[in-house]
């Protein structure tokens, strides 16, 4: 029961972490390697607004999400748009920006284990005989809601359909008058806001530290590679596979092997099925 309950919680947490990365890549084919940095920025913004500025906690979270979304859009507008279409340059530019943000926060003084966010709800409840705190249950409910809302947004709204059109066939979308750069900018903004949402939901379960940005980036990449780059639903399924594998590893081997599971998932997927479970990429051809 422990593995079942906490496996579901961990899986939905991973899905929340990876959805923003998957959204940006799925629409604009941009690998946003600043994803982890934006996650940490959202946490520090929430802490700064709530603790230092004395703003209401809920309002601080909403402001942090909005500011992070604007920051992500600006990263695309002033940096990534100049290297779009050059795969290696995209990776280098986005990772360099993420590195600059994280190390800038460390230089600014945001380091150590002193920065924490309070949980939304105190207390715990028994679920199938397993004690689970209310905040984790709220993460599960909100995470499932985010997946549903994202599906409805991309299938029912005008902007969502335009984003799907860009993801499916960019040239055809351009012929129909859809602005490729504007859609990519929107995707980067929405993806950054999703990273911020996962931050304000998950960071109350631990501390806000700069190093978390690197861990989050690895987890997001692992989920998206296993699920298939460009597939949002594949990312959700991969989150459950990796999430349960991590919990089983924690139970039988120890918590320090959690990140090893994510890295092994990347390596095994690239060896056996480079396009991932539901990826649209061409499989690597066998070479003699």
Protein backbone atom coordinates (compact mmCIF):
# COMPACT_ATOMS: atom_id res chain seq x y z
CA UNK A 1 0.00 0.00 0.00
CA UNK A 2 2.90 2.36 0.71
CA UNK A 3 4.27 1.78 -2.79
CA UNK A 4 0.82 2.24 -4.38
CA UNK A 5 -0.14 5.43 -2.54
CA UNK A 6 3.21 7.18 -2.67
CA UNK A 7 3.84 5.90 -6.19
CA UNK A 8 0.73 7.74 -7.39
CA UNK A 9 1.75 10.89 -5.50
CA UNK A 10 5.29 10.81 -6.88
CA UNK A 11 4.07 10.08 -10.41
CA UNK A 12 1.69 13.04 -10.50
CA UNK A 13 4.43 15.24 -9.04
CA UNK A 14 6.74 14.17 -11.89
CA UNK A 15 4.00 14.85 -14.44
CA UNK A 16 3.59 18.37 -13.04
CA UNK A 17 7.34 18.93 -13.24
CA UNK A 18 7.61 17.71 -16.85
CA UNK A 19 4.47 19.13 -18.47
CA UNK A 20 5.97 22.58 -19.00
CA UNK A 21 9.07 21.16 -20.71
CA UNK A 22 6.90 18.85 -22.85
CA UNK A 23 4.56 21.69 -23.83
CA UNK A 24 7.37 23.97 -25.03
CA UNK A 25 9.13 21.24 -27.01
CA UNK A 26 5.92 19.78 -28.40
CA UNK A 27 4.84 23.11 -29.90
CA UNK A 28 8.03 24.95 -30.84
CA UNK A 29 10.57 22.07 -30.89
CA UNK A 30 12.66 24.11 -28.44
CA UNK A 31 14.38 22.13 -25.66
CA UNK A 32 14.01 24.57 -22.76
CA UNK A 33 17.03 23.72 -20.63
CA UNK A 34 16.24 26.73 -18.42
CA UNK A 35 13.19 24.82 -17.13
CA UNK A 36 14.78 23.89 -13.79
CA UNK A 37 16.02 27.44 -13.24
CA UNK A 38 12.52 28.84 -13.78
CA UNK A 39 11.20 26.30 -11.26
CA UNK A 40 13.61 27.57 -8.60
CA UNK A 41 12.98 31.22 -9.52
CA UNK A 42 9.25 30.72 -8.92
CA UNK A 43 9.99 29.32 -5.46
CA UNK A 44 12.26 32.20 -4.50
CA UNK A 45 9.78 34.76 -5.90
CA UNK A 46 6.97 33.22 -3.84
CA UNK A 47 9.14 33.24 -0.72
CA UNK A 48 10.28 36.82 -1.31
CA UNK A 49 6.79 38.17 -1.92
CA UNK A 50 5.21 36.28 0.99
CA UNK A 51 7.95 36.63 3.61
CA UNK A 52 9.97 39.70 2.68
CA UNK A 53 7.20 41.84 1.13
CA UNK A 54 4.41 40.57 3.40
CA UNK A 55 1.99 39.84 0.55
CA UNK A 56 -0.78 37.28 0.98
CA UNK A 57 0.53 33.72 0.37
CA UNK A 58 -1.97 32.85 -2.37
CA UNK A 59 -1.45 36.19 -4.11
CA UNK A 60 2.33 35.69 -3.85
CA UNK A 61 2.02 32.34 -5.65
CA UNK A 62 -0.12 33.82 -8.42
CA UNK A 63 2.28 36.75 -8.88
CA UNK A 64 5.26 34.37 -8.93
CA UNK A 65 3.60 32.25 -11.62
CA UNK A 66 2.80 35.31 -13.72
CA UNK A 67 6.31 36.77 -13.36
CA UNK A 68 7.90 33.41 -14.19
CA UNK A 69 5.73 33.11 -17.29
CA UNK A 70 6.80 36.60 -18.40
CA UNK A 71 10.44 35.69 -17.73
CA UNK A 72 10.13 32.55 -19.88
CA UNK A 73 8.52 34.53 -22.71
CA UNK A 74 11.31 37.13 -22.51
CA UNK A 75 13.96 34.39 -22.69
CA UNK A 76 12.43 33.30 -25.98
CA UNK A 77 11.87 36.83 -27.29
CA UNK A 78 15.40 38.10 -26.69
CA UNK A 79 17.54 34.94 -26.83
CA UNK A 80 16.06 31.72 -28.17
CA UNK A 81 14.34 33.32 -31.16
CA UNK A 82 17.81 34.14 -32.52
CA UNK A 83 18.97 30.50 -32.48
CA UNK A 84 15.67 28.75 -33.23
CA UNK A 85 16.14 25.95 -35.72
CA UNK A 86 19.77 25.38 -34.73
CA UNK A 87 19.43 22.39 -32.40
CA UNK A 88 22.82 22.54 -30.67
CA UNK A 89 22.65 26.33 -30.28
CA UNK A 90 19.17 26.04 -28.75
CA UNK A 91 20.42 23.63 -26.10
CA UNK A 92 23.53 25.68 -25.35
CA UNK A 93 21.66 29.00 -25.19
CA UNK A 94 18.80 27.76 -22.97
CA UNK A 95 21.16 25.83 -20.65
CA UNK A 96 23.48 28.84 -20.40
CA UNK A 97 20.53 31.04 -19.44
CA UNK A 98 19.39 28.53 -16.83
CA UNK A 99 22.92 28.27 -15.46
CA UNK A 100 23.21 32.05 -15.27
CA UNK A 101 19.91 32.31 -13.39
CA UNK A 102 20.76 29.59 -10.87
CA UNK A 103 24.29 30.76 -10.18
CA UNK A 104 23.04 34.35 -10.10
CA UNK A 105 20.63 33.37 -7.32
CA UNK A 106 23.49 31.69 -5.46
CA UNK A 107 25.65 34.81 -5.85
CA UNK A 108 22.73 36.99 -4.72
CA UNK A 109 22.67 35.10 -1.44
CA UNK A 110 19.86 32.57 -1.95
CA UNK A 111 21.68 29.52 -0.64
CA UNK A 112 21.46 27.13 2.27
CA UNK A 113 18.40 25.42 3.70
CA UNK A 114 16.72 28.46 5.26
CA UNK A 115 14.14 29.17 2.56
CA UNK A 116 10.92 27.19 2.95
CA UNK A 117 7.28 27.60 1.97
CA UNK A 118 4.46 26.58 4.31
CA UNK A 119 2.10 23.77 3.24
CA UNK A 120 -1.33 24.78 2.05
CA UNK A 121 -3.10 22.64 4.64
CA UNK A 122 -1.72 21.20 7.88
CA UNK A 123 -2.46 17.68 9.11
CA UNK A 124 -2.69 14.20 7.61
CA UNK A 125 -5.18 11.43 6.88
CA UNK A 126 -5.05 7.65 6.42
CA UNK A 127 -5.37 6.50 2.79
CA UNK A 128 -5.61 2.70 2.38
CA UNK A 129 -3.94 2.39 5.76
CA UNK A 130 -1.07 4.73 4.80
CA UNK A 131 -0.66 8.15 6.49
CA UNK A 132 -0.63 10.94 3.89
CA UNK A 133 -0.57 14.64 4.68
CA UNK A 134 -3.26 16.86 3.21
CA UNK A 135 -0.80 18.87 1.12
CA UNK A 136 0.26 15.79 -0.87
CA UNK A 137 -3.38 14.92 -1.48
CA UNK A 138 -3.92 18.46 -2.74
CA UNK A 139 -0.95 18.02 -5.10
CA UNK A 140 -2.61 14.90 -6.54
CA UNK A 141 -5.96 16.66 -7.04
CA UNK A 142 -4.45 19.80 -8.57
CA UNK A 143 -2.05 17.77 -10.72
CA UNK A 144 -4.88 15.70 -12.19
CA UNK A 145 -6.87 18.90 -12.71
CA UNK A 146 -3.96 20.55 -14.56
CA UNK A 147 -3.66 17.60 -16.96
CA UNK A 148 -7.41 17.76 -17.66
CA UNK A 149 -7.42 21.55 -18.13
CA UNK A 150 -4.39 21.37 -20.43
CA UNK A 151 -6.13 18.74 -22.57
CA UNK A 152 -9.32 20.84 -22.77
CA UNK A 153 -7.32 23.99 -23.54
CA UNK A 154 -5.43 22.36 -26.42
CA UNK A 155 -8.55 20.69 -27.86
CA UNK A 156 -11.32 23.25 -27.32
CA UNK A 157 -9.85 26.78 -27.29
CA UNK A 158 -8.81 28.75 -30.37
CA UNK A 159 -5.30 29.41 -29.05
CA UNK A 160 -4.95 25.78 -27.99
CA UNK A 161 -5.91 24.54 -31.45
CA UNK A 162 -3.41 26.96 -33.00
CA UNK A 163 -0.73 25.57 -30.68
CA UNK A 164 -1.66 22.01 -31.68
CA UNK A 165 -1.51 23.02 -35.33
CA UNK A 166 2.03 24.32 -34.82
CA UNK A 167 2.99 21.09 -33.08
CA UNK A 168 1.58 18.88 -35.84
CA UNK A 169 2.75 20.73 -38.97
CA UNK A 170 4.46 24.10 -38.68
CA UNK A 171 4.54 24.79 -42.43
CA UNK A 172 0.83 24.12 -42.85
CA UNK A 173 0.10 26.33 -39.82
CA UNK A 174 2.16 29.14 -41.36
CA UNK A 175 0.18 28.83 -44.60
CA UNK A 176 -3.01 29.27 -42.58
CA UNK A 177 -1.74 32.53 -41.09
CA UNK A 178 -0.59 31.28 -37.69
CA UNK A 179 2.44 33.24 -36.45
CA UNK A 180 5.11 30.67 -35.60
CA UNK A 181 7.19 32.95 -33.37
CA UNK A 182 4.16 34.24 -31.46
CA UNK A 183 2.94 30.69 -30.82
CA UNK A 184 6.43 29.69 -29.65
CA UNK A 185 6.50 32.72 -27.34
CA UNK A 186 3.09 31.74 -25.91
CA UNK A 187 4.26 28.15 -25.47
CA UNK A 188 7.38 29.33 -23.63
CA UNK A 189 5.26 31.54 -21.39
CA UNK A 190 2.71 28.80 -20.63
CA UNK A 191 5.47 26.23 -20.10
CA UNK A 192 7.24 28.54 -17.65
CA UNK A 193 3.99 29.11 -15.76
CA UNK A 194 3.52 25.33 -15.52
CA UNK A 195 7.05 25.07 -14.10
CA UNK A 196 6.13 27.77 -11.58
CA UNK A 197 2.90 25.98 -10.67
CA UNK A 198 4.79 22.75 -9.97
CA UNK A 199 7.25 24.75 -7.85
CA UNK A 200 4.65 26.37 -5.60
CA UNK A 201 2.94 22.99 -5.17
CA UNK A 202 6.02 20.85 -4.51
CA UNK A 203 8.51 23.16 -2.79
CA UNK A 204 6.45 23.30 0.46
CA UNK A 205 7.38 19.60 0.81
CA UNK A 206 11.08 20.53 1.11
CA UNK A 207 13.49 23.45 0.96
CA UNK A 208 14.09 26.00 -1.77
CA UNK A 209 17.70 25.47 -2.85
CA UNK A 210 19.56 26.33 -6.04
CA UNK A 211 20.62 22.70 -6.56
CA UNK A 212 16.96 21.70 -6.98
CA UNK A 213 16.96 23.41 -10.37
CA UNK A 214 19.45 20.89 -11.78
CA UNK A 215 17.49 17.94 -10.33
CA UNK A 216 14.20 19.19 -11.75
CA UNK A 217 15.75 19.61 -15.20
CA UNK A 218 17.04 16.01 -15.16
CA UNK A 219 13.64 14.67 -14.04
CA UNK A 220 11.77 16.67 -16.70
CA UNK A 221 14.13 15.48 -19.45
CA UNK A 222 13.87 11.87 -18.25
CA UNK A 223 10.05 11.93 -18.30
CA UNK A 224 9.91 13.57 -21.74
CA UNK A 225 12.50 11.24 -23.31
CA UNK A 226 10.81 8.09 -21.96
CA UNK A 227 7.35 9.32 -22.97
CA UNK A 228 8.57 10.59 -26.33
CA UNK A 229 9.66 14.15 -27.04
CA UNK A 230 6.67 16.11 -28.29
CA UNK A 231 4.02 13.84 -26.73
CA UNK A 232 2.20 15.36 -23.73
CA UNK A 233 0.23 12.23 -22.88
CA UNK A 234 3.38 10.18 -23.31
CA UNK A 235 4.99 12.39 -20.68
CA UNK A 236 2.14 11.62 -18.25
CA UNK A 237 2.50 7.86 -18.78
CA UNK A 238 6.29 8.07 -18.45
CA UNK A 239 5.84 10.02 -15.20
CA UNK A 240 3.92 7.05 -13.76
CA UNK A 241 6.55 4.54 -14.93
CA UNK A 242 9.46 6.54 -13.49
CA UNK A 243 7.48 7.60 -10.42
CA UNK A 244 6.67 4.04 -9.36
CA UNK A 245 10.21 2.88 -10.21
CA UNK A 246 11.60 5.59 -7.93
CA UNK A 247 9.33 4.64 -5.02
CA UNK A 248 10.18 0.93 -5.37
CA UNK A 249 13.88 1.88 -5.42
CA UNK A 250 13.47 4.01 -2.30
CA UNK A 251 11.70 1.18 -0.45
CA UNK A 252 14.24 -1.53 -1.31
CA UNK A 253 17.52 0.34 -1.93
CA UNK A 254 17.36 3.83 -0.41
CA UNK A 255 16.37 7.41 -1.25
CA UNK A 256 19.80 8.33 -2.64
CA UNK A 257 19.14 6.08 -5.68
CA UNK A 258 16.11 8.11 -6.84
CA UNK A 259 18.02 10.26 -9.32
CA UNK A 260 19.89 7.18 -10.58
CA UNK A 261 16.52 5.74 -11.69
CA UNK A 262 15.81 8.84 -13.81
CA UNK A 263 19.24 8.75 -15.45
CA UNK A 264 19.00 5.00 -16.13
CA UNK A 265 15.56 5.58 -17.69
CA UNK A 266 17.13 8.07 -20.11
CA UNK A 267 19.99 5.71 -21.04
CA UNK A 268 17.80 2.61 -21.48
CA UNK A 269 15.22 4.48 -23.57
CA UNK A 270 17.87 5.96 -25.87
CA UNK A 271 19.37 2.49 -26.38
CA UNK A 272 16.16 0.49 -26.91
CA UNK A 273 13.68 3.02 -28.35
CA UNK A 274 15.22 6.45 -29.02
CA UNK A 275 11.88 8.03 -30.00
CA UNK A 276 10.32 7.11 -26.64
CA UNK A 277 6.97 5.44 -25.98
CA UNK A 278 4.83 7.83 -28.03
CA UNK A 279 7.44 10.00 -29.75
CA UNK A 280 7.02 11.16 -33.32
CA UNK A 281 10.74 11.31 -34.04
CA UNK A 282 12.30 8.99 -36.61
CA UNK A 283 13.92 5.95 -35.02
CA UNK A 284 17.69 5.81 -35.21
CA UNK A 285 18.74 3.58 -38.06
CA UNK A 286 21.06 0.67 -37.39
CA UNK A 287 24.58 1.41 -38.50
CA UNK A 288 27.25 -1.13 -39.41
